[in-house]
Amino acid sequence: MKALVQRVTRAEVTIAGRTAGCIQGGMLVFLGMEKGDAEKDLDRIVKKIANLRIFSDSNGRMNLSVKDTGGEILVVSQFTLAADCRKGNRPSFDSAEVPEKAKTLYEQAIAMFRREGIPVASGEFAADMQVSLVNDGPVTFLIDSR
């Protein structure tokens, strides 16, 4: 399982012109599931993101988590994170999880973030989405559960 995490001052996902999810500050999390991902991967990645200290404290150091700041998380499914671009110029998605299982893991991730006490907005699994954001920093991390 891979997550691309961006610290944002604002993020929004729209589908066919309507807003599906919007946050005013916190993290934009693109979440991609790979074949073989299991509950342990999901648990590891959710706990890591929920407690990742990427927000500035009063001394300007990255020392606070999204929970510490009262921020929000916008979760967007992103199967392209499973792409293999090593051969040729066309990405291979052979390692992406099958949609049915990926959707279940995606929905579980959203529920787990909420159980951590974090306000969560989301896109829609497998929808054609447009994402807009203001990356704060810029601060971006790639997290791999493996």
N, C-alpha and C. Protein backbone atom coordinates (compact mmCIF):
# COMPACT_ATOMS: atom_id res chain seq x y z
N MET A 1 0.86 -1.17 0.00
CA MET A 1 0.00 0.00 0.00
C MET A 1 0.90 1.23 0.00
N LYS A 2 0.54 2.18 -0.82
CA LYS A 2 1.31 3.41 -0.91
C LYS A 2 0.40 4.59 -0.66
N ALA A 3 0.97 5.59 0.00
CA ALA A 3 0.25 6.84 0.23
C ALA A 3 1.16 8.00 -0.13
N LEU A 4 0.63 8.93 -0.90
CA LEU A 4 1.31 10.18 -1.16
C LEU A 4 0.61 11.21 -0.28
N VAL A 5 1.35 11.76 0.67
CA VAL A 5 0.79 12.66 1.68
C VAL A 5 1.31 14.08 1.44
N GLN A 6 0.38 15.02 1.34
CA GLN A 6 0.77 16.41 1.14
C GLN A 6 0.16 17.27 2.25
N ARG A 7 1.01 18.10 2.86
CA ARG A 7 0.50 19.05 3.84
C ARG A 7 -0.13 20.19 3.05
N VAL A 8 -1.39 20.50 3.36
CA VAL A 8 -2.13 21.49 2.57
C VAL A 8 -2.81 22.53 3.45
N THR A 9 -3.00 23.70 2.87
CA THR A 9 -3.83 24.71 3.54
C THR A 9 -5.27 24.61 3.06
N ARG A 10 -5.44 23.93 1.91
CA ARG A 10 -6.78 23.70 1.34
C ARG A 10 -6.68 22.60 0.30
N ALA A 11 -7.69 21.75 0.20
CA ALA A 11 -7.74 20.74 -0.85
C ALA A 11 -9.20 20.40 -1.14
N GLU A 12 -9.47 20.11 -2.40
CA GLU A 12 -10.83 19.81 -2.82
C GLU A 12 -10.81 18.79 -3.95
N VAL A 13 -11.78 17.90 -3.95
CA VAL A 13 -11.95 16.96 -5.05
C VAL A 13 -13.36 17.16 -5.60
N THR A 14 -13.42 17.29 -6.93
CA THR A 14 -14.72 17.44 -7.59
C THR A 14 -14.92 16.31 -8.58
N ILE A 15 -16.19 15.98 -8.78
CA ILE A 15 -16.58 14.93 -9.71
C ILE A 15 -17.73 15.48 -10.54
N ALA A 16 -17.52 15.55 -11.84
CA ALA A 16 -18.55 16.06 -12.76
C ALA A 16 -19.07 17.42 -12.32
N GLY A 17 -18.18 18.28 -11.84
CA GLY A 17 -18.54 19.63 -11.46
C GLY A 17 -19.08 19.82 -10.06
N ARG A 18 -19.28 18.75 -9.32
CA ARG A 18 -19.77 18.88 -7.94
C ARG A 18 -18.65 18.54 -6.97
N THR A 19 -18.64 19.23 -5.83
CA THR A 19 -17.63 18.98 -4.81
C THR A 19 -17.97 17.69 -4.07
N ALA A 20 -17.02 16.75 -4.08
CA ALA A 20 -17.20 15.49 -3.36
C ALA A 20 -16.60 15.58 -1.97
N GLY A 21 -15.49 16.31 -1.84
CA GLY A 21 -14.84 16.47 -0.56
C GLY A 21 -13.97 17.71 -0.56
N CYS A 22 -13.89 18.36 0.60
CA CYS A 22 -13.11 19.59 0.70
C CYS A 22 -12.62 19.74 2.14
N ILE A 23 -11.36 20.15 2.29
CA ILE A 23 -10.82 20.45 3.62
C ILE A 23 -10.17 21.82 3.58
N GLN A 24 -10.08 22.43 4.75
CA GLN A 24 -9.49 23.77 4.85
C GLN A 24 -8.08 23.77 5.41
N GLY A 25 -7.59 22.65 5.84
CA GLY A 25 -6.22 22.57 6.32
C GLY A 25 -5.93 21.21 6.88
N GLY A 26 -4.77 20.67 6.56
CA GLY A 26 -4.40 19.36 7.05
C GLY A 26 -3.60 18.60 6.03
N MET A 27 -4.10 17.42 5.64
CA MET A 27 -3.39 16.54 4.72
C MET A 27 -4.28 16.09 3.57
N LEU A 28 -3.70 16.09 2.39
CA LEU A 28 -4.30 15.43 1.25
C LEU A 28 -3.57 14.10 1.12
N VAL A 29 -4.31 13.00 1.16
CA VAL A 29 -3.72 11.66 1.11
C VAL A 29 -4.23 10.94 -0.12
N PHE A 30 -3.32 10.70 -1.08
CA PHE A 30 -3.61 9.84 -2.21
C PHE A 30 -3.25 8.44 -1.77
N LEU A 31 -4.20 7.50 -1.86
CA LEU A 31 -4.00 6.15 -1.33
C LEU A 31 -4.13 5.12 -2.44
N GLY A 32 -3.07 4.32 -2.63
CA GLY A 32 -3.07 3.30 -3.67
C GLY A 32 -2.82 1.91 -3.10
N MET A 33 -3.66 0.97 -3.46
CA MET A 33 -3.55 -0.40 -2.97
C MET A 33 -2.88 -1.29 -4.01
N GLU A 34 -2.01 -2.18 -3.51
CA GLU A 34 -1.31 -3.12 -4.37
C GLU A 34 -1.70 -4.54 -4.02
N LYS A 35 -1.53 -5.44 -4.99
CA LYS A 35 -1.84 -6.85 -4.75
C LYS A 35 -1.07 -7.33 -3.53
N GLY A 36 -1.77 -8.06 -2.69
CA GLY A 36 -1.16 -8.59 -1.48
C GLY A 36 -1.31 -7.70 -0.26
N ASP A 37 -1.82 -6.48 -0.44
CA ASP A 37 -2.05 -5.61 0.72
C ASP A 37 -3.09 -6.26 1.63
N ALA A 38 -2.84 -6.14 2.92
CA ALA A 38 -3.72 -6.76 3.91
C ALA A 38 -3.99 -5.77 5.04
N GLU A 39 -4.73 -6.23 6.04
CA GLU A 39 -5.09 -5.39 7.19
C GLU A 39 -3.85 -4.79 7.85
N LYS A 40 -2.76 -5.56 7.93
CA LYS A 40 -1.55 -5.05 8.59
C LYS A 40 -0.98 -3.85 7.83
N ASP A 41 -1.06 -3.88 6.50
CA ASP A 41 -0.60 -2.75 5.70
C ASP A 41 -1.48 -1.52 5.96
N LEU A 42 -2.77 -1.75 6.00
CA LEU A 42 -3.72 -0.67 6.23
C LEU A 42 -3.51 -0.06 7.61
N ASP A 43 -3.38 -0.90 8.62
CA ASP A 43 -3.17 -0.43 9.98
C ASP A 43 -1.88 0.37 10.08
N ARG A 44 -0.82 -0.13 9.48
CA ARG A 44 0.48 0.54 9.52
C ARG A 44 0.41 1.91 8.87
N ILE A 45 -0.20 1.98 7.71
CA ILE A 45 -0.20 3.24 6.97
C ILE A 45 -1.12 4.28 7.61
N VAL A 46 -2.27 3.85 8.12
CA VAL A 46 -3.18 4.79 8.78
C VAL A 46 -2.54 5.35 10.05
N LYS A 47 -1.94 4.50 10.86
CA LYS A 47 -1.30 4.97 12.10
C LYS A 47 -0.13 5.90 11.78
N LYS A 48 0.64 5.56 10.76
CA LYS A 48 1.77 6.40 10.37
C LYS A 48 1.29 7.78 9.96
N ILE A 49 0.28 7.84 9.10
CA ILE A 49 -0.22 9.13 8.61
C ILE A 49 -0.86 9.94 9.74
N ALA A 50 -1.67 9.30 10.55
CA ALA A 50 -2.37 9.99 11.64
C ALA A 50 -1.39 10.61 12.64
N ASN A 51 -0.23 10.01 12.80
CA ASN A 51 0.73 10.47 13.79
C ASN A 51 1.97 11.12 13.19
N LEU A 52 2.02 11.26 11.87
CA LEU A 52 3.17 11.84 11.20
C LEU A 52 3.32 13.31 11.59
N ARG A 53 4.48 13.65 12.13
CA ARG A 53 4.71 15.02 12.64
C ARG A 53 5.29 15.89 11.52
N ILE A 54 4.38 16.47 10.74
CA ILE A 54 4.80 17.30 9.59
C ILE A 54 4.29 18.73 9.68
N PHE A 55 3.66 19.08 10.80
CA PHE A 55 3.16 20.43 10.99
C PHE A 55 4.06 21.17 11.97
N SER A 56 4.22 22.46 11.74
CA SER A 56 5.16 23.25 12.53
C SER A 56 4.65 23.56 13.94
N ASP A 57 5.59 23.47 14.89
CA ASP A 57 5.28 23.88 16.26
C ASP A 57 5.60 25.37 16.41
N SER A 58 5.55 25.89 17.62
CA SER A 58 5.78 27.32 17.84
C SER A 58 7.21 27.75 17.51
N ASN A 59 8.12 26.79 17.38
CA ASN A 59 9.50 27.10 17.02
C ASN A 59 9.76 26.92 15.52
N GLY A 60 8.72 26.61 14.76
CA GLY A 60 8.86 26.44 13.32
C GLY A 60 9.41 25.08 12.91
N ARG A 61 9.46 24.14 13.84
CA ARG A 61 9.95 22.79 13.53
C ARG A 61 8.78 21.86 13.25
N MET A 62 8.97 20.94 12.30
CA MET A 62 7.93 19.94 12.04
C MET A 62 7.90 19.00 13.24
N ASN A 63 6.92 19.25 14.11
CA ASN A 63 6.87 18.51 15.36
C ASN A 63 5.45 18.14 15.78
N LEU A 64 4.46 18.49 14.96
CA LEU A 64 3.06 18.24 15.31
C LEU A 64 2.38 17.38 14.25
N SER A 65 1.47 16.54 14.70
CA SER A 65 0.69 15.70 13.78
C SER A 65 -0.61 16.41 13.41
N VAL A 66 -1.33 15.84 12.46
CA VAL A 66 -2.63 16.39 12.07
C VAL A 66 -3.60 16.34 13.26
N LYS A 67 -3.45 15.33 14.11
CA LYS A 67 -4.29 15.25 15.31
C LYS A 67 -3.96 16.37 16.28
N ASP A 68 -2.67 16.68 16.42
CA ASP A 68 -2.24 17.75 17.33
C ASP A 68 -2.78 19.11 16.90
N THR A 69 -2.87 19.32 15.59
CA THR A 69 -3.27 20.63 15.06
C THR A 69 -4.78 20.77 14.87
N GLY A 70 -5.51 19.66 15.00
CA GLY A 70 -6.95 19.70 14.74
C GLY A 70 -7.26 19.78 13.26
N GLY A 71 -6.29 19.37 12.42
CA GLY A 71 -6.47 19.41 10.97
C GLY A 71 -7.37 18.30 10.46
N GLU A 72 -7.60 18.34 9.17
CA GLU A 72 -8.47 17.38 8.50
C GLU A 72 -7.66 16.57 7.49
N ILE A 73 -8.25 15.49 7.02
CA ILE A 73 -7.62 14.68 5.97
C ILE A 73 -8.62 14.52 4.83
N LEU A 74 -8.13 14.73 3.61
CA LEU A 74 -8.90 14.43 2.40
C LEU A 74 -8.25 13.20 1.78
N VAL A 75 -8.99 12.09 1.69
CA VAL A 75 -8.47 10.84 1.16
C VAL A 75 -9.01 10.63 -0.25
N VAL A 76 -8.08 10.37 -1.19
CA VAL A 76 -8.44 10.17 -2.58
C VAL A 76 -7.82 8.85 -3.05
N SER A 77 -8.64 7.96 -3.61
CA SER A 77 -8.11 6.70 -4.14
C SER A 77 -7.23 7.00 -5.35
N GLN A 78 -6.10 6.31 -5.45
CA GLN A 78 -5.12 6.63 -6.49
C GLN A 78 -4.39 5.36 -6.93
N PHE A 79 -5.03 4.58 -7.81
CA PHE A 79 -4.43 3.32 -8.23
C PHE A 79 -3.11 3.52 -8.98
N THR A 80 -2.89 4.70 -9.54
CA THR A 80 -1.66 4.93 -10.30
C THR A 80 -0.41 4.91 -9.42
N LEU A 81 -0.58 4.97 -8.10
CA LEU A 81 0.58 4.84 -7.21
C LEU A 81 1.19 3.44 -7.29
N ALA A 82 0.44 2.49 -7.81
CA ALA A 82 0.93 1.11 -7.98
C ALA A 82 1.62 0.91 -9.33
N ALA A 83 1.75 1.97 -10.10
CA ALA A 83 2.33 1.85 -11.45
C ALA A 83 3.80 1.45 -11.41
N ASP A 84 4.19 0.68 -12.42
CA ASP A 84 5.59 0.33 -12.64
C ASP A 84 6.00 1.03 -13.93
N CYS A 85 6.93 1.95 -13.82
CA CYS A 85 7.37 2.75 -14.98
C CYS A 85 8.78 2.39 -15.41
N ARG A 86 9.29 1.24 -14.98
CA ARG A 86 10.67 0.88 -15.28
C ARG A 86 10.90 0.50 -16.73
N LYS A 87 9.92 -0.13 -17.37
CA LYS A 87 10.09 -0.58 -18.75
C LYS A 87 9.27 0.29 -19.69
N GLY A 88 9.89 0.72 -20.75
CA GLY A 88 9.19 1.48 -21.78
C GLY A 88 8.65 2.80 -21.27
N ASN A 89 7.68 3.32 -22.00
CA ASN A 89 7.12 4.62 -21.67
C ASN A 89 5.67 4.55 -21.22
N ARG A 90 5.10 3.36 -21.24
CA ARG A 90 3.71 3.19 -20.81
C ARG A 90 3.71 2.49 -19.46
N PRO A 91 3.14 3.11 -18.42
CA PRO A 91 3.12 2.49 -17.10
C PRO A 91 2.34 1.17 -17.10
N SER A 92 2.82 0.23 -16.29
CA SER A 92 2.11 -1.03 -16.08
C SER A 92 1.40 -0.95 -14.73
N PHE A 93 0.17 -1.41 -14.71
CA PHE A 93 -0.60 -1.40 -13.47
C PHE A 93 -0.87 -2.82 -12.97
N ASP A 94 -0.02 -3.76 -13.37
CA ASP A 94 -0.19 -5.16 -12.99
C ASP A 94 -0.17 -5.37 -11.48
N SER A 95 0.52 -4.51 -10.75
CA SER A 95 0.62 -4.71 -9.30
C SER A 95 -0.52 -4.04 -8.53
N ALA A 96 -1.41 -3.32 -9.21
CA ALA A 96 -2.55 -2.69 -8.54
C ALA A 96 -3.54 -3.75 -8.08
N GLU A 97 -4.10 -3.54 -6.91
CA GLU A 97 -5.08 -4.48 -6.35
C GLU A 97 -6.35 -4.46 -7.20
N VAL A 98 -7.06 -5.58 -7.23
CA VAL A 98 -8.33 -5.65 -7.96
C VAL A 98 -9.31 -4.64 -7.34
N PRO A 99 -10.15 -4.01 -8.16
CA PRO A 99 -11.00 -2.93 -7.66
C PRO A 99 -11.86 -3.28 -6.44
N GLU A 100 -12.44 -4.47 -6.40
CA GLU A 100 -13.33 -4.82 -5.28
C GLU A 100 -12.58 -4.78 -3.96
N LYS A 101 -11.40 -5.39 -3.90
CA LYS A 101 -10.61 -5.41 -2.66
C LYS A 101 -10.05 -4.03 -2.36
N ALA A 102 -9.59 -3.32 -3.39
CA ALA A 102 -9.04 -1.98 -3.19
C ALA A 102 -10.09 -1.04 -2.61
N LYS A 103 -11.32 -1.14 -3.10
CA LYS A 103 -12.40 -0.29 -2.59
C LYS A 103 -12.67 -0.58 -1.12
N THR A 104 -12.67 -1.84 -0.75
CA THR A 104 -12.88 -2.22 0.65
C THR A 104 -11.78 -1.63 1.53
N LEU A 105 -10.52 -1.75 1.11
CA LEU A 105 -9.41 -1.19 1.88
C LEU A 105 -9.49 0.33 1.96
N TYR A 106 -9.88 0.96 0.88
CA TYR A 106 -10.03 2.42 0.84
C TYR A 106 -11.09 2.86 1.85
N GLU A 107 -12.24 2.20 1.84
CA GLU A 107 -13.31 2.55 2.77
C GLU A 107 -12.91 2.28 4.22
N GLN A 108 -12.15 1.20 4.45
CA GLN A 108 -11.65 0.91 5.79
C GLN A 108 -10.68 1.99 6.26
N ALA A 109 -9.85 2.47 5.36
CA ALA A 109 -8.89 3.53 5.72
C ALA A 109 -9.63 4.78 6.19
N ILE A 110 -10.66 5.16 5.47
CA ILE A 110 -11.44 6.34 5.86
C ILE A 110 -12.04 6.15 7.24
N ALA A 111 -12.61 4.98 7.49
CA ALA A 111 -13.20 4.69 8.80
C ALA A 111 -12.14 4.70 9.90
N MET A 112 -10.96 4.19 9.60
CA MET A 112 -9.88 4.15 10.60
C MET A 112 -9.39 5.56 10.93
N PHE A 113 -9.26 6.43 9.94
CA PHE A 113 -8.87 7.82 10.22
C PHE A 113 -9.91 8.47 11.13
N ARG A 114 -11.18 8.21 10.87
CA ARG A 114 -12.24 8.78 11.71
C ARG A 114 -12.15 8.25 13.14
N ARG A 115 -11.84 6.96 13.29
CA ARG A 115 -11.68 6.39 14.63
C ARG A 115 -10.49 7.02 15.37
N GLU A 116 -9.53 7.53 14.62
CA GLU A 116 -8.40 8.24 15.22
C GLU A 116 -8.80 9.65 15.67
N GLY A 117 -10.05 10.03 15.39
CA GLY A 117 -10.55 11.34 15.79
C GLY A 117 -10.26 12.46 14.81
N ILE A 118 -9.93 12.08 13.58
CA ILE A 118 -9.58 13.06 12.56
C ILE A 118 -10.78 13.28 11.64
N PRO A 119 -11.17 14.54 11.41
CA PRO A 119 -12.22 14.79 10.43
C PRO A 119 -11.73 14.39 9.03
N VAL A 120 -12.56 13.64 8.31
CA VAL A 120 -12.15 13.11 7.01
C VAL A 120 -13.16 13.45 5.93
N ALA A 121 -12.65 13.90 4.80
CA ALA A 121 -13.44 14.06 3.59
C ALA A 121 -12.82 13.09 2.58
N SER A 122 -13.55 12.78 1.52
CA SER A 122 -13.00 11.83 0.56
C SER A 122 -13.54 12.07 -0.83
N GLY A 123 -12.83 11.47 -1.77
CA GLY A 123 -13.32 11.41 -3.14
C GLY A 123 -14.22 10.19 -3.24
N GLU A 124 -14.45 9.73 -4.47
CA GLU A 124 -15.24 8.52 -4.69
C GLU A 124 -14.36 7.51 -5.39
N PHE A 125 -14.36 6.31 -4.89
CA PHE A 125 -13.52 5.26 -5.44
C PHE A 125 -13.82 5.07 -6.93
N ALA A 126 -12.77 5.03 -7.73
CA ALA A 126 -12.81 4.75 -9.17
C ALA A 126 -13.52 5.83 -10.01
N ALA A 127 -13.82 6.96 -9.40
CA ALA A 127 -14.46 8.05 -10.17
C ALA A 127 -13.39 8.85 -10.91
N ASP A 128 -13.82 9.55 -11.95
CA ASP A 128 -12.96 10.49 -12.64
C ASP A 128 -13.01 11.78 -11.83
N MET A 129 -11.93 12.07 -11.09
CA MET A 129 -11.92 13.18 -10.14
C MET A 129 -10.93 14.26 -10.57
N GLN A 130 -11.27 15.48 -10.19
CA GLN A 130 -10.35 16.59 -10.35
C GLN A 130 -9.99 17.06 -8.94
N VAL A 131 -8.69 17.13 -8.68
CA VAL A 131 -8.20 17.49 -7.35
C VAL A 131 -7.49 18.82 -7.43
N SER A 132 -7.86 19.73 -6.55
CA SER A 132 -7.14 20.99 -6.44
C SER A 132 -6.63 21.12 -5.01
N LEU A 133 -5.46 21.74 -4.89
CA LEU A 133 -4.86 21.84 -3.57
C LEU A 133 -3.90 23.01 -3.50
N VAL A 134 -3.65 23.44 -2.29
CA VAL A 134 -2.58 24.39 -2.02
C VAL A 134 -1.63 23.66 -1.08
N ASN A 135 -0.50 23.22 -1.64
CA ASN A 135 0.49 22.47 -0.87
C ASN A 135 1.22 23.48 0.01
N ASP A 136 1.26 23.19 1.31
CA ASP A 136 1.85 24.08 2.29
C ASP A 136 3.31 23.72 2.52
N GLY A 137 4.21 24.50 1.99
CA GLY A 137 5.64 24.25 2.20
C GLY A 137 6.48 24.47 0.95
N PRO A 138 6.41 23.65 -0.03
CA PRO A 138 5.63 22.42 -0.18
C PRO A 138 6.20 21.29 0.69
N VAL A 139 5.29 20.50 1.24
CA VAL A 139 5.64 19.35 2.06
C VAL A 139 4.91 18.15 1.50
N THR A 140 5.67 17.16 1.01
CA THR A 140 5.10 15.96 0.39
C THR A 140 5.93 14.75 0.78
N PHE A 141 5.25 13.66 1.17
CA PHE A 141 5.92 12.43 1.56
C PHE A 141 5.28 11.25 0.86
N LEU A 142 6.11 10.28 0.46
CA LEU A 142 5.63 9.01 -0.08
C LEU A 142 5.83 7.96 1.00
N ILE A 143 4.76 7.29 1.39
CA ILE A 143 4.81 6.28 2.44
C ILE A 143 4.42 4.94 1.83
N ASP A 144 5.24 3.94 2.08
CA ASP A 144 5.01 2.59 1.57
C ASP A 144 4.87 1.67 2.78
N SER A 145 3.77 0.94 2.86
CA SER A 145 3.54 0.06 4.02
C SER A 145 4.51 -1.11 4.08
N ARG A 146 5.18 -1.38 2.96
CA ARG A 146 6.10 -2.50 2.94
C ARG A 146 7.51 -2.06 3.26
